[in-house]
């Protein structure tokens, strides 16, 4: 048995004007210095596959985390419990849903249009590298 590995990266930078996370006040983004990314590392050993995801975001609440991991698991062909998610804790990422009552509804469009599909694409691409090995 061999350990197989694959990697993929997608850009998850939101549109300008959304609120930035972690500043304690409603600060909208005004420019882009560096793109935010999701990096996926897929590992396979025998019948076990996992994907490690690192996202350039401040934090993700449990409900969003589970939904994101389920979408990535479906795309990568594995149980969502085999998707391990971490954030870089950048304060220049967008506010996500469920972070605080002050920002109710903020980030919903971002999750559906950018975060979920780009993370799923990265997870799928990282796993698809196994087929080339």
N, C-alpha and C. Protein backbone atom coordinates (compact mmCIF):
# COMPACT_ATOMS: atom_id res chain seq x y z
N UNK A 1 0.84 -1.19 0.00
CA UNK A 1 0.00 0.00 0.00
C UNK A 1 0.88 1.25 0.00
N UNK A 2 0.48 2.24 -0.79
CA UNK A 2 1.21 3.49 -0.85
C UNK A 2 0.33 4.63 -0.33
N UNK A 3 0.97 5.58 0.29
CA UNK A 3 0.29 6.82 0.66
C UNK A 3 0.24 7.70 -0.58
N UNK A 4 -0.95 8.14 -0.94
CA UNK A 4 -1.12 9.04 -2.08
C UNK A 4 -1.52 10.41 -1.56
N UNK A 5 -1.08 11.45 -2.26
CA UNK A 5 -1.40 12.82 -1.86
C UNK A 5 -1.69 13.66 -3.09
N UNK A 6 -2.59 14.61 -2.92
CA UNK A 6 -2.91 15.57 -3.98
C UNK A 6 -3.22 16.91 -3.36
N UNK A 7 -2.96 17.96 -4.11
CA UNK A 7 -3.25 19.31 -3.61
C UNK A 7 -3.97 20.12 -4.67
N UNK A 8 -4.70 21.12 -4.22
CA UNK A 8 -5.38 22.05 -5.12
C UNK A 8 -5.64 23.34 -4.36
N UNK A 9 -5.76 24.42 -5.12
CA UNK A 9 -6.03 25.73 -4.51
C UNK A 9 -7.02 26.48 -5.38
N UNK A 10 -7.93 27.19 -4.73
CA UNK A 10 -8.91 28.04 -5.39
C UNK A 10 -8.91 29.41 -4.72
N UNK A 11 -9.23 30.43 -5.47
CA UNK A 11 -9.37 31.78 -4.94
C UNK A 11 -10.78 31.96 -4.39
N UNK A 12 -10.87 32.49 -3.17
CA UNK A 12 -12.17 32.70 -2.52
C UNK A 12 -12.36 34.18 -2.13
N UNK A 13 -11.70 35.07 -2.84
CA UNK A 13 -11.82 36.50 -2.56
C UNK A 13 -13.24 36.98 -2.87
N UNK A 14 -13.89 37.66 -1.92
CA UNK A 14 -15.24 38.18 -2.18
C UNK A 14 -15.20 39.46 -3.00
N UNK A 15 -16.36 39.89 -3.44
CA UNK A 15 -16.48 41.18 -4.12
C UNK A 15 -16.17 42.30 -3.11
N UNK A 16 -15.71 43.42 -3.61
CA UNK A 16 -15.44 44.57 -2.75
C UNK A 16 -16.73 45.11 -2.13
N UNK A 17 -16.58 45.69 -0.95
CA UNK A 17 -17.72 46.32 -0.29
C UNK A 17 -18.33 45.50 0.83
N UNK A 18 -17.98 44.21 0.92
CA UNK A 18 -18.48 43.39 2.02
C UNK A 18 -17.78 43.74 3.32
N UNK A 19 -18.41 43.40 4.44
CA UNK A 19 -17.83 43.71 5.74
C UNK A 19 -16.66 42.78 6.06
N UNK A 20 -15.62 43.36 6.66
CA UNK A 20 -14.44 42.60 7.07
C UNK A 20 -14.66 42.03 8.46
N UNK A 21 -14.14 40.84 8.68
CA UNK A 21 -14.32 40.15 9.96
C UNK A 21 -13.31 40.63 11.00
N UNK A 22 -13.75 40.67 12.23
CA UNK A 22 -12.83 40.83 13.34
C UNK A 22 -12.47 42.24 13.75
N UNK A 23 -13.09 43.24 13.19
CA UNK A 23 -12.70 44.59 13.57
C UNK A 23 -13.64 45.22 14.59
N UNK A 24 -14.73 44.57 14.91
CA UNK A 24 -15.64 45.09 15.91
C UNK A 24 -16.50 46.25 15.45
N UNK A 25 -16.37 46.63 14.20
CA UNK A 25 -17.21 47.68 13.64
C UNK A 25 -17.43 47.36 12.17
N UNK A 26 -18.46 47.92 11.58
CA UNK A 26 -18.77 47.59 10.18
C UNK A 26 -17.81 48.25 9.19
N UNK A 27 -16.66 47.64 8.96
CA UNK A 27 -15.67 48.14 8.01
C UNK A 27 -15.79 47.38 6.70
N UNK A 28 -16.23 48.03 5.63
CA UNK A 28 -16.32 47.34 4.34
C UNK A 28 -14.95 47.27 3.66
N UNK A 29 -14.76 46.23 2.85
CA UNK A 29 -13.51 46.13 2.08
C UNK A 29 -13.52 47.20 0.99
N UNK A 30 -12.35 47.78 0.75
CA UNK A 30 -12.22 48.85 -0.24
C UNK A 30 -11.24 48.51 -1.35
N UNK A 31 -10.39 47.51 -1.12
CA UNK A 31 -9.41 47.12 -2.13
C UNK A 31 -8.95 45.70 -1.84
N UNK A 32 -8.18 45.14 -2.77
CA UNK A 32 -7.63 43.79 -2.60
C UNK A 32 -6.11 43.88 -2.69
N UNK A 33 -5.44 43.49 -1.62
CA UNK A 33 -3.97 43.44 -1.62
C UNK A 33 -3.52 42.07 -2.08
N UNK A 34 -4.07 41.01 -1.49
CA UNK A 34 -3.78 39.62 -1.85
C UNK A 34 -5.10 38.87 -1.87
N UNK A 35 -5.20 37.91 -2.78
CA UNK A 35 -6.40 37.09 -2.83
C UNK A 35 -6.48 36.18 -1.61
N UNK A 36 -7.71 35.92 -1.19
CA UNK A 36 -7.97 34.89 -0.18
C UNK A 36 -8.06 33.56 -0.92
N UNK A 37 -7.63 32.48 -0.27
CA UNK A 37 -7.62 31.18 -0.94
C UNK A 37 -8.14 30.07 -0.03
N UNK A 38 -8.51 28.98 -0.66
CA UNK A 38 -8.70 27.70 0.02
C UNK A 38 -7.66 26.76 -0.57
N UNK A 39 -6.95 26.08 0.31
CA UNK A 39 -5.97 25.08 -0.11
C UNK A 39 -6.45 23.73 0.40
N UNK A 40 -6.51 22.76 -0.49
CA UNK A 40 -6.94 21.40 -0.15
C UNK A 40 -5.76 20.46 -0.30
N UNK A 41 -5.56 19.62 0.70
CA UNK A 41 -4.58 18.54 0.64
C UNK A 41 -5.34 17.25 0.87
N UNK A 42 -5.34 16.39 -0.13
CA UNK A 42 -6.03 15.10 -0.04
C UNK A 42 -5.00 14.01 0.21
N UNK A 43 -5.35 13.09 1.10
CA UNK A 43 -4.49 11.94 1.40
C UNK A 43 -5.31 10.67 1.27
N UNK A 44 -4.66 9.65 0.72
CA UNK A 44 -5.32 8.34 0.59
C UNK A 44 -4.32 7.26 1.00
N UNK A 45 -4.79 6.37 1.85
CA UNK A 45 -3.99 5.22 2.25
C UNK A 45 -4.94 4.03 2.35
N UNK A 46 -4.80 3.11 1.42
CA UNK A 46 -5.73 1.99 1.38
C UNK A 46 -7.12 2.49 1.05
N UNK A 47 -8.08 2.13 1.88
CA UNK A 47 -9.47 2.54 1.67
C UNK A 47 -9.82 3.86 2.34
N UNK A 48 -8.87 4.48 3.00
CA UNK A 48 -9.14 5.71 3.74
C UNK A 48 -8.69 6.92 2.94
N UNK A 49 -9.60 7.87 2.78
CA UNK A 49 -9.30 9.15 2.14
C UNK A 49 -9.72 10.27 3.07
N UNK A 50 -8.90 11.30 3.13
CA UNK A 50 -9.26 12.51 3.87
C UNK A 50 -8.85 13.73 3.05
N UNK A 51 -9.49 14.85 3.35
CA UNK A 51 -9.09 16.13 2.77
C UNK A 51 -8.93 17.13 3.90
N UNK A 52 -7.77 17.79 3.89
CA UNK A 52 -7.50 18.88 4.82
C UNK A 52 -7.73 20.18 4.06
N UNK A 53 -8.57 21.05 4.59
CA UNK A 53 -8.86 22.34 3.96
C UNK A 53 -8.36 23.47 4.85
N UNK A 54 -7.63 24.39 4.26
CA UNK A 54 -7.22 25.60 4.96
C UNK A 54 -7.81 26.78 4.20
N UNK A 55 -8.65 27.58 4.88
CA UNK A 55 -9.30 28.71 4.23
C UNK A 55 -8.83 30.03 4.84
N UNK A 56 -8.62 31.01 3.97
CA UNK A 56 -8.18 32.34 4.40
C UNK A 56 -9.39 33.13 4.90
N UNK A 57 -9.87 32.77 6.08
CA UNK A 57 -11.01 33.42 6.72
C UNK A 57 -10.71 33.56 8.20
N UNK A 58 -11.44 34.45 8.86
CA UNK A 58 -11.20 34.68 10.28
C UNK A 58 -11.72 33.50 11.11
N UNK A 59 -12.99 33.18 10.95
CA UNK A 59 -13.58 32.06 11.66
C UNK A 59 -14.86 31.62 10.98
N UNK A 60 -15.24 30.38 11.25
CA UNK A 60 -16.44 29.78 10.68
C UNK A 60 -17.21 29.13 11.81
N UNK A 61 -18.50 29.41 11.91
CA UNK A 61 -19.26 28.79 12.98
C UNK A 61 -19.55 27.32 12.64
N UNK A 62 -20.05 26.58 13.61
CA UNK A 62 -20.24 25.14 13.46
C UNK A 62 -21.22 24.79 12.35
N UNK A 63 -22.34 25.51 12.23
CA UNK A 63 -23.34 25.19 11.20
C UNK A 63 -22.76 25.37 9.79
N UNK A 64 -22.05 26.46 9.56
CA UNK A 64 -21.43 26.71 8.25
C UNK A 64 -20.34 25.67 8.00
N UNK A 65 -19.59 25.34 9.03
CA UNK A 65 -18.53 24.33 8.90
C UNK A 65 -19.10 22.99 8.45
N UNK A 66 -20.16 22.56 9.07
CA UNK A 66 -20.76 21.28 8.70
C UNK A 66 -21.29 21.32 7.28
N UNK A 67 -21.99 22.39 6.92
CA UNK A 67 -22.52 22.51 5.55
C UNK A 67 -21.38 22.51 4.52
N UNK A 68 -20.33 23.25 4.81
CA UNK A 68 -19.18 23.31 3.92
C UNK A 68 -18.53 21.93 3.78
N UNK A 69 -18.33 21.25 4.89
CA UNK A 69 -17.70 19.93 4.86
C UNK A 69 -18.57 18.92 4.12
N UNK A 70 -19.88 19.02 4.25
CA UNK A 70 -20.77 18.11 3.51
C UNK A 70 -20.66 18.34 2.01
N UNK A 71 -20.64 19.59 1.58
CA UNK A 71 -20.50 19.89 0.15
C UNK A 71 -19.15 19.40 -0.39
N UNK A 72 -18.11 19.57 0.39
CA UNK A 72 -16.78 19.11 -0.02
C UNK A 72 -16.71 17.59 -0.03
N UNK A 73 -17.30 16.95 0.96
CA UNK A 73 -17.33 15.49 1.00
C UNK A 73 -18.07 14.91 -0.20
N UNK A 74 -19.21 15.51 -0.55
CA UNK A 74 -19.96 15.07 -1.73
C UNK A 74 -19.11 15.21 -2.99
N UNK A 75 -18.44 16.35 -3.14
CA UNK A 75 -17.62 16.60 -4.33
C UNK A 75 -16.42 15.66 -4.41
N UNK A 76 -15.86 15.33 -3.25
CA UNK A 76 -14.65 14.50 -3.21
C UNK A 76 -14.95 13.02 -3.08
N UNK A 77 -16.23 12.66 -2.94
CA UNK A 77 -16.61 11.25 -2.85
C UNK A 77 -16.22 10.59 -1.54
N UNK A 78 -16.45 11.29 -0.44
CA UNK A 78 -16.13 10.72 0.87
C UNK A 78 -17.08 11.29 1.92
N UNK A 79 -17.16 10.66 3.09
CA UNK A 79 -18.00 11.20 4.15
C UNK A 79 -17.49 12.58 4.59
N UNK A 80 -18.43 13.44 4.96
CA UNK A 80 -18.02 14.78 5.38
C UNK A 80 -17.16 14.74 6.64
N UNK A 81 -17.25 13.66 7.39
CA UNK A 81 -16.43 13.52 8.59
C UNK A 81 -14.96 13.31 8.25
N UNK A 82 -14.65 13.07 6.99
CA UNK A 82 -13.26 12.92 6.55
C UNK A 82 -12.71 14.23 5.97
N UNK A 83 -13.46 15.30 6.11
CA UNK A 83 -13.00 16.63 5.70
C UNK A 83 -12.62 17.39 6.97
N UNK A 84 -11.36 17.82 7.04
CA UNK A 84 -10.86 18.54 8.21
C UNK A 84 -10.65 19.99 7.78
N UNK A 85 -11.28 20.90 8.49
CA UNK A 85 -11.33 22.31 8.10
C UNK A 85 -10.61 23.18 9.12
N UNK A 86 -9.80 24.11 8.62
CA UNK A 86 -9.17 25.10 9.50
C UNK A 86 -9.20 26.46 8.82
N UNK A 87 -9.14 27.50 9.63
CA UNK A 87 -9.07 28.86 9.11
C UNK A 87 -7.72 29.47 9.48
N UNK A 88 -7.30 30.45 8.69
CA UNK A 88 -6.03 31.12 8.97
C UNK A 88 -6.19 32.25 9.98
N UNK A 89 -7.42 32.61 10.27
CA UNK A 89 -7.79 33.68 11.21
C UNK A 89 -7.36 35.06 10.70
N UNK A 90 -7.55 35.29 9.41
CA UNK A 90 -7.26 36.62 8.87
C UNK A 90 -8.43 37.56 9.18
N UNK A 91 -8.11 38.75 9.59
CA UNK A 91 -9.14 39.76 9.85
C UNK A 91 -9.49 40.56 8.61
N UNK A 92 -8.91 40.19 7.48
CA UNK A 92 -9.23 40.86 6.22
C UNK A 92 -10.12 39.99 5.34
N UNK A 93 -10.68 38.94 5.92
CA UNK A 93 -11.66 38.13 5.22
C UNK A 93 -13.06 38.63 5.51
N UNK A 94 -14.05 38.09 4.81
CA UNK A 94 -15.43 38.56 5.00
C UNK A 94 -16.08 38.04 6.27
N UNK A 95 -17.04 38.79 6.76
CA UNK A 95 -17.90 38.32 7.85
C UNK A 95 -18.77 37.20 7.29
N UNK A 96 -18.87 36.09 8.00
CA UNK A 96 -19.70 34.96 7.58
C UNK A 96 -20.97 34.90 8.42
N UNK A 97 -21.99 34.22 7.91
CA UNK A 97 -23.24 34.09 8.67
C UNK A 97 -23.00 33.41 10.02
N UNK A 98 -23.81 33.80 11.01
CA UNK A 98 -23.79 33.15 12.31
C UNK A 98 -22.66 33.58 13.22
N UNK A 99 -21.96 34.65 12.87
CA UNK A 99 -20.83 35.09 13.69
C UNK A 99 -21.28 36.03 14.81
N UNK A 100 -22.29 36.82 14.56
CA UNK A 100 -22.78 37.72 15.61
C UNK A 100 -24.10 38.33 15.20
N UNK A 101 -24.90 38.67 16.19
CA UNK A 101 -26.22 39.25 15.92
C UNK A 101 -26.13 40.57 15.17
N UNK A 102 -25.04 41.30 15.36
CA UNK A 102 -24.89 42.60 14.70
C UNK A 102 -24.81 42.48 13.18
N UNK A 103 -24.44 41.31 12.68
CA UNK A 103 -24.22 41.13 11.25
C UNK A 103 -25.15 40.07 10.66
N UNK A 104 -26.35 39.95 11.20
CA UNK A 104 -27.31 38.95 10.73
C UNK A 104 -27.53 39.09 9.22
N UNK A 105 -27.43 37.97 8.51
CA UNK A 105 -27.64 37.95 7.07
C UNK A 105 -26.41 38.30 6.26
N UNK A 106 -25.38 38.84 6.91
CA UNK A 106 -24.15 39.18 6.20
C UNK A 106 -23.41 37.90 5.81
N UNK A 107 -22.94 37.83 4.59
CA UNK A 107 -22.13 36.71 4.14
C UNK A 107 -22.87 35.55 3.52
N UNK A 108 -24.23 35.58 3.55
CA UNK A 108 -25.00 34.47 2.97
C UNK A 108 -24.68 34.30 1.48
N UNK A 109 -24.70 35.39 0.73
CA UNK A 109 -24.42 35.33 -0.70
C UNK A 109 -23.00 34.84 -0.96
N UNK A 110 -22.06 35.30 -0.16
CA UNK A 110 -20.66 34.89 -0.30
C UNK A 110 -20.52 33.37 -0.15
N UNK A 111 -21.17 32.82 0.86
CA UNK A 111 -21.07 31.37 1.09
C UNK A 111 -21.61 30.59 -0.10
N UNK A 112 -22.79 30.97 -0.58
CA UNK A 112 -23.41 30.23 -1.68
C UNK A 112 -22.71 30.43 -3.01
N UNK A 113 -22.25 31.65 -3.29
CA UNK A 113 -21.68 31.95 -4.60
C UNK A 113 -20.18 31.65 -4.70
N UNK A 114 -19.46 31.76 -3.60
CA UNK A 114 -18.00 31.64 -3.67
C UNK A 114 -17.46 30.55 -2.74
N UNK A 115 -17.70 30.68 -1.44
CA UNK A 115 -17.05 29.80 -0.48
C UNK A 115 -17.37 28.32 -0.71
N UNK A 116 -18.65 27.96 -0.72
CA UNK A 116 -19.01 26.55 -0.87
C UNK A 116 -18.54 25.95 -2.19
N UNK A 117 -18.85 26.58 -3.34
CA UNK A 117 -18.42 25.95 -4.60
C UNK A 117 -16.91 25.91 -4.80
N UNK A 118 -16.19 26.93 -4.35
CA UNK A 118 -14.73 26.94 -4.53
C UNK A 118 -14.05 25.92 -3.62
N UNK A 119 -14.53 25.78 -2.40
CA UNK A 119 -13.96 24.76 -1.50
C UNK A 119 -14.25 23.36 -2.02
N UNK A 120 -15.46 23.14 -2.51
CA UNK A 120 -15.81 21.84 -3.08
C UNK A 120 -14.95 21.54 -4.30
N UNK A 121 -14.71 22.55 -5.14
CA UNK A 121 -13.87 22.36 -6.33
C UNK A 121 -12.44 22.01 -5.94
N UNK A 122 -11.91 22.66 -4.92
CA UNK A 122 -10.54 22.37 -4.47
C UNK A 122 -10.45 20.95 -3.90
N UNK A 123 -11.43 20.56 -3.09
CA UNK A 123 -11.43 19.20 -2.52
C UNK A 123 -11.50 18.15 -3.63
N UNK A 124 -12.38 18.37 -4.60
CA UNK A 124 -12.52 17.42 -5.71
C UNK A 124 -11.24 17.34 -6.53
N UNK A 125 -10.65 18.48 -6.84
CA UNK A 125 -9.42 18.51 -7.65
C UNK A 125 -8.27 17.81 -6.93
N UNK A 126 -8.16 18.01 -5.63
CA UNK A 126 -7.08 17.37 -4.88
C UNK A 126 -7.22 15.86 -4.89
N UNK A 127 -8.46 15.36 -4.75
CA UNK A 127 -8.71 13.91 -4.78
C UNK A 127 -8.51 13.36 -6.19
N UNK A 128 -8.87 14.13 -7.20
CA UNK A 128 -8.73 13.65 -8.58
C UNK A 128 -7.28 13.42 -8.99
N UNK A 129 -6.36 13.99 -8.27
CA UNK A 129 -4.95 13.74 -8.56
C UNK A 129 -4.61 12.26 -8.33
N UNK A 130 -5.33 11.59 -7.42
CA UNK A 130 -5.08 10.17 -7.17
C UNK A 130 -5.23 9.35 -8.44
N UNK A 131 -6.17 9.74 -9.29
CA UNK A 131 -6.42 8.99 -10.52
C UNK A 131 -5.21 9.04 -11.46
N UNK A 132 -4.39 10.05 -11.31
CA UNK A 132 -3.21 10.19 -12.17
C UNK A 132 -2.00 9.46 -11.61
N UNK A 133 -2.08 9.00 -10.37
CA UNK A 133 -0.92 8.34 -9.74
C UNK A 133 -0.88 6.86 -10.06
